[in-house]
PDB file of N, CA and C in Angstrom:
ATOM      1  N   UNK A   1       0.816  -1.206   0.000  1.00  0.00           N
ATOM      2  CA  UNK A   1       0.000   0.000   0.000  1.00  0.00           C
ATOM      3  C   UNK A   1       0.852   1.259   0.000  1.00  0.00           C
ATOM      4  N   UNK A   2       1.990   1.254  -0.633  1.00  0.00           N
ATOM      5  CA  UNK A   2       2.811   2.449  -0.789  1.00  0.00           C
ATOM      6  C   UNK A   2       3.190   3.105   0.532  1.00  0.00           C
ATOM      7  N   UNK A   3       3.606   2.328   1.516  1.00  0.00           N
ATOM      8  CA  UNK A   3       4.037   2.885   2.785  1.00  0.00           C
ATOM      9  C   UNK A   3       2.915   3.306   3.705  1.00  0.00           C
ATOM     10  N   UNK A   4       1.712   2.989   3.370  1.00  0.00           N
ATOM     11  CA  UNK A   4       0.580   3.351   4.224  1.00  0.00           C
ATOM     12  C   UNK A   4       0.297   2.207   5.184  1.00  0.00           C
ATOM     13  N   UNK A   5      -0.092   2.578   6.385  1.00  0.00           N
ATOM     14  CA  UNK A   5      -0.445   1.564   7.371  1.00  0.00           C
ATOM     15  C   UNK A   5      -1.894   1.762   7.799  1.00  0.00           C
ATOM     16  N   UNK A   6      -2.501   0.666   8.184  1.00  0.00           N
ATOM     17  CA  UNK A   6      -3.863   0.701   8.731  1.00  0.00           C
ATOM     18  C   UNK A   6      -3.751   0.536  10.235  1.00  0.00           C
ATOM     19  N   UNK A   7      -4.384   1.438  10.945  1.00  0.00           N
ATOM     20  CA  UNK A   7      -4.375   1.388  12.397  1.00  0.00           C
ATOM     21  C   UNK A   7      -5.804   1.526  12.889  1.00  0.00           C
ATOM     22  N   UNK A   8      -6.236   0.604  13.717  1.00  0.00           N
ATOM     23  CA  UNK A   8      -7.568   0.693  14.309  1.00  0.00           C
ATOM     24  C   UNK A   8      -7.438   1.380  15.658  1.00  0.00           C
ATOM     25  N   UNK A   9      -8.229   2.429  15.837  1.00  0.00           N
ATOM     26  CA  UNK A   9      -8.175   3.213  17.067  1.00  0.00           C
ATOM     27  C   UNK A   9      -9.574   3.307  17.656  1.00  0.00           C
ATOM     28  N   UNK A  10      -9.629   3.657  18.926  1.00  0.00           N
ATOM     29  CA  UNK A  10     -10.898   3.874  19.605  1.00  0.00           C
ATOM     30  C   UNK A  10     -10.952   5.333  20.045  1.00  0.00           C
ATOM     31  N   UNK A  11     -11.971   6.028  19.576  1.00  0.00           N
ATOM     32  CA  UNK A  11     -12.172   7.425  19.955  1.00  0.00           C
ATOM     33  C   UNK A  11     -13.595   7.564  20.462  1.00  0.00           C
ATOM     34  N   UNK A  12     -13.712   7.940  21.711  1.00  0.00           N
ATOM     35  CA  UNK A  12     -14.998   8.157  22.366  1.00  0.00           C
ATOM     36  C   UNK A  12     -15.917   6.952  22.222  1.00  0.00           C
ATOM     37  N   UNK A  13     -15.325   5.772  22.387  1.00  0.00           N
ATOM     38  CA  UNK A  13     -16.094   4.539  22.388  1.00  0.00           C
ATOM     39  C   UNK A  13     -16.418   3.963  21.022  1.00  0.00           C
ATOM     40  N   UNK A  14     -15.878   4.549  19.982  1.00  0.00           N
ATOM     41  CA  UNK A  14     -16.133   4.065  18.626  1.00  0.00           C
ATOM     42  C   UNK A  14     -14.820   3.671  17.968  1.00  0.00           C
ATOM     43  N   UNK A  15     -14.866   2.589  17.210  1.00  0.00           N
ATOM     44  CA  UNK A  15     -13.683   2.088  16.518  1.00  0.00           C
ATOM     45  C   UNK A  15     -13.588   2.729  15.132  1.00  0.00           C
ATOM     46  N   UNK A  16     -12.384   3.161  14.786  1.00  0.00           N
ATOM     47  CA  UNK A  16     -12.117   3.734  13.474  1.00  0.00           C
ATOM     48  C   UNK A  16     -10.851   3.094  12.929  1.00  0.00           C
ATOM     49  N   UNK A  17     -10.828   2.851  11.630  1.00  0.00           N
ATOM     50  CA  UNK A  17      -9.616   2.383  10.982  1.00  0.00           C
ATOM     51  C   UNK A  17      -9.031   3.558  10.216  1.00  0.00           C
ATOM     52  N   UNK A  18      -7.819   3.921  10.585  1.00  0.00           N
ATOM     53  CA  UNK A  18      -7.124   5.051   9.978  1.00  0.00           C
ATOM     54  C   UNK A  18      -6.083   4.510   9.009  1.00  0.00           C
ATOM     55  N   UNK A  19      -6.089   5.001   7.783  1.00  0.00           N
ATOM     56  CA  UNK A  19      -5.065   4.654   6.801  1.00  0.00           C
ATOM     57  C   UNK A  19      -4.178   5.879   6.660  1.00  0.00           C
ATOM     58  N   UNK A  20      -2.882   5.700   6.928  1.00  0.00           N
ATOM     59  CA  UNK A  20      -1.991   6.848   6.974  1.00  0.00           C
ATOM     60  C   UNK A  20      -0.571   6.460   6.600  1.00  0.00           C
ATOM     61  N   UNK A  21       0.184   7.439   6.167  1.00  0.00           N
ATOM     62  CA  UNK A  21       1.610   7.245   5.936  1.00  0.00           C
ATOM     63  C   UNK A  21       2.400   7.470   7.226  1.00  0.00           C
ATOM     64  N   UNK A  22       1.724   7.970   8.255  1.00  0.00           N
ATOM     65  CA  UNK A  22       2.363   8.173   9.556  1.00  0.00           C
ATOM     66  C   UNK A  22       2.524   6.832  10.259  1.00  0.00           C
ATOM     67  N   UNK A  23       3.401   6.815  11.253  1.00  0.00           N
ATOM     68  CA  UNK A  23       3.628   5.571  11.995  1.00  0.00           C
ATOM     69  C   UNK A  23       2.398   5.220  12.835  1.00  0.00           C
ATOM     70  N   UNK A  24       2.283   3.950  13.143  1.00  0.00           N
ATOM     71  CA  UNK A  24       1.178   3.489  13.985  1.00  0.00           C
ATOM     72  C   UNK A  24       1.222   4.179  15.348  1.00  0.00           C
ATOM     73  N   UNK A  25       2.414   4.377  15.892  1.00  0.00           N
ATOM     74  CA  UNK A  25       2.547   5.063  17.182  1.00  0.00           C
ATOM     75  C   UNK A  25       2.002   6.486  17.108  1.00  0.00           C
ATOM     76  N   UNK A  26       2.306   7.190  16.026  1.00  0.00           N
ATOM     77  CA  UNK A  26       1.834   8.567  15.880  1.00  0.00           C
ATOM     78  C   UNK A  26       0.306   8.606  15.774  1.00  0.00           C
ATOM     79  N   UNK A  27      -0.256   7.719  14.974  1.00  0.00           N
ATOM     80  CA  UNK A  27      -1.717   7.663  14.824  1.00  0.00           C
ATOM     81  C   UNK A  27      -2.365   7.360  16.171  1.00  0.00           C
ATOM     82  N   UNK A  28      -1.792   6.437  16.928  1.00  0.00           N
ATOM     83  CA  UNK A  28      -2.333   6.115  18.256  1.00  0.00           C
ATOM     84  C   UNK A  28      -2.224   7.305  19.200  1.00  0.00           C
ATOM     85  N   UNK A  29      -1.104   8.024  19.154  1.00  0.00           N
ATOM     86  CA  UNK A  29      -0.937   9.205  20.005  1.00  0.00           C
ATOM     87  C   UNK A  29      -1.988  10.264  19.684  1.00  0.00           C
ATOM     88  N   UNK A  30      -2.211  10.512  18.402  1.00  0.00           N
ATOM     89  CA  UNK A  30      -3.202  11.511  17.994  1.00  0.00           C
ATOM     90  C   UNK A  30      -4.605  11.073  18.405  1.00  0.00           C
ATOM     91  N   UNK A  31      -4.916   9.798  18.222  1.00  0.00           N
ATOM     92  CA  UNK A  31      -6.256   9.320  18.585  1.00  0.00           C
ATOM     93  C   UNK A  31      -6.481   9.409  20.092  1.00  0.00           C
ATOM     94  N   UNK A  32      -5.455   9.139  20.884  1.00  0.00           N
ATOM     95  CA  UNK A  32      -5.581   9.272  22.340  1.00  0.00           C
ATOM     96  C   UNK A  32      -5.830  10.728  22.723  1.00  0.00           C
ATOM     97  N   UNK A  33      -5.134  11.649  22.058  1.00  0.00           N
ATOM     98  CA  UNK A  33      -5.320  13.072  22.318  1.00  0.00           C
ATOM     99  C   UNK A  33      -6.766  13.486  21.999  1.00  0.00           C
ATOM    100  N   UNK A  34      -7.263  13.079  20.841  1.00  0.00           N
ATOM    101  CA  UNK A  34      -8.632  13.418  20.440  1.00  0.00           C
ATOM    102  C   UNK A  34      -9.632  12.814  21.422  1.00  0.00           C
ATOM    103  N   UNK A  35      -9.420  11.566  21.818  1.00  0.00           N
ATOM    104  CA  UNK A  35     -10.300  10.894  22.775  1.00  0.00           C
ATOM    105  C   UNK A  35     -10.332  11.651  24.100  1.00  0.00           C
ATOM    106  N   UNK A  36      -9.171  12.062  24.589  1.00  0.00           N
ATOM    107  CA  UNK A  36      -9.103  12.814  25.847  1.00  0.00           C
ATOM    108  C   UNK A  36      -9.836  14.141  25.737  1.00  0.00           C
ATOM    109  N   UNK A  37      -9.680  14.840  24.615  1.00  0.00           N
ATOM    110  CA  UNK A  37     -10.345  16.133  24.425  1.00  0.00           C
ATOM    111  C   UNK A  37     -11.865  15.969  24.370  1.00  0.00           C
ATOM    112  N   UNK A  38     -12.332  14.924  23.726  1.00  0.00           N
ATOM    113  CA  UNK A  38     -13.777  14.688  23.662  1.00  0.00           C
ATOM    114  C   UNK A  38     -14.332  14.379  25.047  1.00  0.00           C
ATOM    115  N   UNK A  39     -13.612  13.578  25.812  1.00  0.00           N
ATOM    116  CA  UNK A  39     -14.049  13.272  27.180  1.00  0.00           C
ATOM    117  C   UNK A  39     -14.029  14.526  28.046  1.00  0.00           C
ATOM    118  N   UNK A  40     -13.040  15.383  27.831  1.00  0.00           N
ATOM    119  CA  UNK A  40     -12.949  16.638  28.576  1.00  0.00           C
ATOM    120  C   UNK A  40     -14.143  17.536  28.247  1.00  0.00           C
ATOM    121  N   UNK A  41     -14.518  17.623  26.970  1.00  0.00           N
ATOM    122  CA  UNK A  41     -15.679  18.434  26.586  1.00  0.00           C
ATOM    123  C   UNK A  41     -16.946  17.909  27.246  1.00  0.00           C
ATOM    124  N   UNK A  42     -17.081  16.596  27.321  1.00  0.00           N
ATOM    125  CA  UNK A  42     -18.265  16.001  27.950  1.00  0.00           C
ATOM    126  C   UNK A  42     -18.282  16.279  29.453  1.00  0.00           C
ATOM    127  N   UNK A  43     -17.100  16.261  30.094  1.00  0.00           N
ATOM    128  CA  UNK A  43     -17.033  16.571  31.532  1.00  0.00           C
ATOM    129  C   UNK A  43     -17.434  18.017  31.792  1.00  0.00           C
ATOM    130  N   UNK A  44     -16.976  18.926  30.942  1.00  0.00           N
ATOM    131  CA  UNK A  44     -17.263  20.348  31.120  1.00  0.00           C
ATOM    132  C   UNK A  44     -18.745  20.636  30.880  1.00  0.00           C
ATOM    133  N   UNK A  45     -19.336  19.944  29.922  1.00  0.00           N
ATOM    134  CA  UNK A  45     -20.741  20.147  29.598  1.00  0.00           C
ATOM    135  C   UNK A  45     -21.443  18.793  29.526  1.00  0.00           C
ATOM    136  N   UNK A  46     -21.877  18.263  30.678  1.00  0.00           N
ATOM    137  CA  UNK A  46     -22.473  16.924  30.704  1.00  0.00           C
ATOM    138  C   UNK A  46     -23.781  16.815  29.921  1.00  0.00           C
ATOM    139  N   UNK A  47     -24.401  17.932  29.589  1.00  0.00           N
ATOM    140  CA  UNK A  47     -25.655  17.895  28.840  1.00  0.00           C
ATOM    141  C   UNK A  47     -25.431  17.946  27.333  1.00  0.00           C
ATOM    142  N   UNK A  48     -24.186  18.028  26.915  1.00  0.00           N
ATOM    143  CA  UNK A  48     -23.854  18.044  25.495  1.00  0.00           C
ATOM    144  C   UNK A  48     -24.239  16.720  24.858  1.00  0.00           C
ATOM    145  N   UNK A  49     -24.917  16.789  23.747  1.00  0.00           N
ATOM    146  CA  UNK A  49     -25.337  15.590  23.023  1.00  0.00           C
ATOM    147  C   UNK A  49     -24.099  14.863  22.506  1.00  0.00           C
ATOM    148  N   UNK A  50     -23.942  13.605  22.885  1.00  0.00           N
ATOM    149  CA  UNK A  50     -22.732  12.870  22.508  1.00  0.00           C
ATOM    150  C   UNK A  50     -22.609  12.686  21.005  1.00  0.00           C
ATOM    151  N   UNK A  51     -23.712  12.654  20.287  1.00  0.00           N
ATOM    152  CA  UNK A  51     -23.612  12.513  18.830  1.00  0.00           C
ATOM    153  C   UNK A  51     -22.985  13.748  18.203  1.00  0.00           C
ATOM    154  N   UNK A  52     -23.161  14.910  18.807  1.00  0.00           N
ATOM    155  CA  UNK A  52     -22.548  16.120  18.251  1.00  0.00           C
ATOM    156  C   UNK A  52     -21.046  16.152  18.512  1.00  0.00           C
ATOM    157  N   UNK A  53     -20.575  15.404  19.490  1.00  0.00           N
ATOM    158  CA  UNK A  53     -19.135  15.332  19.735  1.00  0.00           C
ATOM    159  C   UNK A  53     -18.416  14.562  18.635  1.00  0.00           C
ATOM    160  N   UNK A  54     -19.109  13.649  17.992  1.00  0.00           N
ATOM    161  CA  UNK A  54     -18.476  12.800  16.984  1.00  0.00           C
ATOM    162  C   UNK A  54     -18.494  13.414  15.598  1.00  0.00           C
ATOM    163  N   UNK A  55     -19.159  14.530  15.415  1.00  0.00           N
ATOM    164  CA  UNK A  55     -19.258  15.135  14.075  1.00  0.00           C
ATOM    165  C   UNK A  55     -17.962  15.767  13.655  1.00  0.00           C
TER     166      UNK A  55
END
């Protein structure tokens, strides 16, 4: 696949397969960051609709 890797990550309880030229470690680091930010937004505003967080 021309140096591309597939990495399955979990963000806010949902599985995504990311195809990227970046390393698997980098993709995992970014997905963890996004997951933490989404959880932080939910903590700050518990009434926020979770479906709008995934858009």
